[in-house]
């Protein structure tokens, strides 16, 4: 998948994750966070001085490339998986993706590993919008099961991702900063 798709996905993710202000929510188990990079999970990073470019490099290296989300042919699905992985963890995002595939009859193992079998099944899906819809359904289910009545913002995010990204790609924008 092209750098344009990664750039669009990470631009969207950065907007969701709050941008350039350092967040210090006492309820956030990740501690101080900037651009979605949490000090608990990146103790070697000074989130106070973290730049947008450094955050993008982290997302490319530690998420997009490490977990192979760029191998997904559907950019909407790739973005969705990236956003959920950052929010809930890569294993949970992988399980959600596999559950979505299995809703459509793919018969893949639900082991959380987005490996060659999972990627191939995603890329063979004849109606990509059905897979995206199934993914949203499973992501909402995950958020509700984990966060109950506190899941409203996460559910809203999960439902909004496909719509916002469809508009983004249809308009040929460069980023979500506007």
Protein backbone atom coordinates (compact mmCIF):
# COMPACT_ATOMS: atom_id res chain seq x y z
CA UNK A 1 0.00 0.00 0.00
CA UNK A 2 1.28 3.46 -0.80
CA UNK A 3 2.74 6.04 1.54
CA UNK A 4 -0.30 8.19 0.71
CA UNK A 5 -2.51 5.65 2.46
CA UNK A 6 -0.25 5.53 5.51
CA UNK A 7 -0.09 9.33 5.56
CA UNK A 8 -3.89 9.54 5.45
CA UNK A 9 -4.33 6.88 8.12
CA UNK A 10 -1.82 8.40 10.50
CA UNK A 11 -3.13 11.91 9.91
CA UNK A 12 -6.58 10.71 10.88
CA UNK A 13 -5.20 8.83 13.88
CA UNK A 14 -3.27 11.87 15.11
CA UNK A 15 -6.42 13.95 14.96
CA UNK A 16 -8.32 11.34 16.97
CA UNK A 17 -5.56 11.09 19.53
CA UNK A 18 -5.69 14.75 20.50
CA UNK A 19 -2.84 16.39 18.65
CA UNK A 20 -0.07 18.57 19.96
CA UNK A 21 -1.31 19.17 23.50
CA UNK A 22 -0.03 16.91 26.28
CA UNK A 23 -2.97 15.17 27.94
CA UNK A 24 -2.75 14.33 31.61
CA UNK A 25 -6.00 12.52 32.29
CA UNK A 26 -5.75 10.81 35.68
CA UNK A 27 -8.10 8.09 34.37
CA UNK A 28 -5.76 7.29 31.45
CA UNK A 29 -3.60 4.29 32.38
CA UNK A 30 -1.04 5.39 29.78
CA UNK A 31 -0.07 8.49 31.74
CA UNK A 32 0.90 11.71 29.99
CA UNK A 33 0.07 11.43 26.29
CA UNK A 34 0.79 13.51 23.18
CA UNK A 35 -0.19 12.62 19.61
CA UNK A 36 -1.52 9.38 21.14
CA UNK A 37 1.95 8.36 22.32
CA UNK A 38 1.65 7.42 26.01
CA UNK A 39 4.56 7.87 28.40
CA UNK A 40 3.84 4.52 30.09
CA UNK A 41 4.27 2.61 26.85
CA UNK A 42 7.07 4.79 25.49
CA UNK A 43 9.16 5.68 28.58
CA UNK A 44 12.14 6.47 26.35
CA UNK A 45 10.14 9.24 24.62
CA UNK A 46 9.79 12.67 26.18
CA UNK A 47 6.14 13.32 25.34
CA UNK A 48 6.53 16.94 26.42
CA UNK A 49 8.79 17.66 23.43
CA UNK A 50 7.48 15.01 21.03
CA UNK A 51 6.95 16.45 17.56
CA UNK A 52 4.31 15.41 15.06
CA UNK A 53 7.06 14.03 12.80
CA UNK A 54 8.46 11.90 15.63
CA UNK A 55 4.98 10.57 16.43
CA UNK A 56 4.43 9.70 12.75
CA UNK A 57 7.75 7.83 12.71
CA UNK A 58 6.70 5.85 15.80
CA UNK A 59 3.37 4.92 14.24
CA UNK A 60 5.05 3.88 11.00
CA UNK A 61 7.75 1.78 12.67
CA UNK A 62 5.94 0.33 15.68
CA UNK A 63 2.47 -0.15 14.24
CA UNK A 64 2.09 0.13 10.45
CA UNK A 65 5.26 -1.76 9.49
CA UNK A 66 5.60 -4.02 12.53
CA UNK A 67 2.08 -5.41 12.20
CA UNK A 68 1.86 -5.18 8.41
CA UNK A 69 -1.33 -3.13 8.17
CA UNK A 70 -0.08 -1.67 4.90
CA UNK A 71 -0.49 -5.13 3.33
CA UNK A 72 -4.26 -4.71 3.53
CA UNK A 73 -5.53 -3.61 0.11
CA UNK A 74 -8.54 -1.76 1.49
CA UNK A 75 -7.28 1.58 2.88
CA UNK A 76 -10.43 2.09 4.98
CA UNK A 77 -9.93 -1.28 6.63
CA UNK A 78 -6.19 -0.65 7.11
CA UNK A 79 -6.92 2.65 8.84
CA UNK A 80 -9.58 1.06 11.00
CA UNK A 81 -7.27 -1.73 12.12
CA UNK A 82 -4.50 0.78 12.88
CA UNK A 83 -6.81 3.00 14.94
CA UNK A 84 -8.15 0.05 16.94
CA UNK A 85 -4.65 -1.41 17.44
CA UNK A 86 -3.39 1.86 18.88
CA UNK A 87 -6.45 2.17 21.12
CA UNK A 88 -6.99 -1.43 22.25
CA UNK A 89 -3.73 -3.19 21.37
CA UNK A 90 -2.54 -5.05 18.27
CA UNK A 91 -3.68 -8.46 19.46
CA UNK A 92 -7.22 -7.25 20.15
CA UNK A 93 -7.31 -5.48 16.77
CA UNK A 94 -6.19 -8.73 15.15
CA UNK A 95 -8.88 -10.75 16.91
CA UNK A 96 -11.53 -8.19 15.94
CA UNK A 97 -10.38 -8.41 12.31
CA UNK A 98 -10.46 -12.20 12.40
CA UNK A 99 -13.91 -12.25 14.02
CA UNK A 100 -15.11 -9.91 11.27
CA UNK A 101 -13.70 -12.24 8.63
CA UNK A 102 -15.36 -15.20 10.30
CA UNK A 103 -18.71 -13.39 10.35
CA UNK A 104 -18.35 -13.48 6.56
CA UNK A 105 -17.42 -17.17 6.54
CA UNK A 106 -13.63 -16.97 6.18
CA UNK A 107 -12.83 -19.61 8.78
CA UNK A 108 -9.60 -18.08 10.09
CA UNK A 109 -8.06 -18.69 13.50
CA UNK A 110 -8.92 -15.95 16.00
CA UNK A 111 -5.42 -15.75 17.43
CA UNK A 112 -4.86 -11.99 17.12
CA UNK A 113 -1.97 -12.36 14.69
CA UNK A 114 -2.50 -10.41 11.48
CA UNK A 115 -0.36 -12.78 9.47
CA UNK A 116 -0.34 -13.94 5.88
CA UNK A 117 -3.57 -15.98 6.16
CA UNK A 118 -5.56 -13.13 7.71
CA UNK A 119 -4.16 -10.62 5.23
CA UNK A 120 -4.90 -12.92 2.26
CA UNK A 121 -8.49 -13.48 3.41
CA UNK A 122 -8.99 -9.72 3.82
CA UNK A 123 -7.58 -9.03 0.38
CA UNK A 124 -9.75 -11.74 -1.20
CA UNK A 125 -12.97 -10.33 0.24
CA UNK A 126 -15.30 -9.66 -2.68
CA UNK A 127 -17.32 -6.94 -0.95
CA UNK A 128 -14.84 -4.89 1.09
CA UNK A 129 -17.56 -2.70 2.60
CA UNK A 130 -19.08 -5.81 4.21
CA UNK A 131 -15.76 -6.57 5.87
CA UNK A 132 -15.42 -2.98 7.09
CA UNK A 133 -18.98 -3.15 8.46
CA UNK A 134 -18.28 -6.45 10.21
CA UNK A 135 -15.07 -4.96 11.64
CA UNK A 136 -16.98 -1.95 13.01
CA UNK A 137 -19.56 -4.29 14.55
CA UNK A 138 -16.87 -6.35 16.28
CA UNK A 139 -14.95 -3.23 17.41
CA UNK A 140 -18.12 -1.78 18.96
CA UNK A 141 -18.71 -5.13 20.66
CA UNK A 142 -15.18 -5.05 22.09
CA UNK A 143 -15.57 -1.51 23.42
CA UNK A 144 -18.95 -2.26 25.00
CA UNK A 145 -17.72 -5.46 26.64
CA UNK A 146 -14.68 -3.68 28.09
CA UNK A 147 -16.02 -0.25 28.96
CA UNK A 148 -19.78 -0.66 29.36
CA UNK A 149 -21.45 2.68 29.96
CA UNK A 150 -18.12 4.51 29.47
CA UNK A 151 -17.75 3.25 25.88
CA UNK A 152 -19.76 6.03 24.21
CA UNK A 153 -16.79 8.00 22.83
CA UNK A 154 -15.01 4.87 21.65
CA UNK A 155 -18.15 3.56 19.95
CA UNK A 156 -18.66 6.93 18.24
CA UNK A 157 -15.05 6.77 17.04
CA UNK A 158 -15.42 3.23 15.68
CA UNK A 159 -18.56 4.12 13.75
CA UNK A 160 -17.16 7.39 12.38
CA UNK A 161 -13.89 6.01 10.98
CA UNK A 162 -15.24 4.52 7.73
CA UNK A 163 -17.42 7.53 6.90
CA UNK A 164 -14.69 10.08 7.53
CA UNK A 165 -12.05 8.10 5.66
CA UNK A 166 -14.34 7.53 2.66
CA UNK A 167 -14.77 11.31 2.41
CA UNK A 168 -11.04 11.83 2.82
CA UNK A 169 -10.03 9.46 0.03
CA UNK A 170 -12.88 10.60 -2.25
CA UNK A 171 -11.75 14.22 -1.94
CA UNK A 172 -8.06 13.36 -2.40
CA UNK A 173 -7.00 15.31 0.70
CA UNK A 174 -3.47 15.22 2.09
CA UNK A 175 -4.25 15.22 5.78
CA UNK A 176 -6.94 15.71 8.39
CA UNK A 177 -5.53 18.86 9.91
CA UNK A 178 -8.38 21.03 8.67
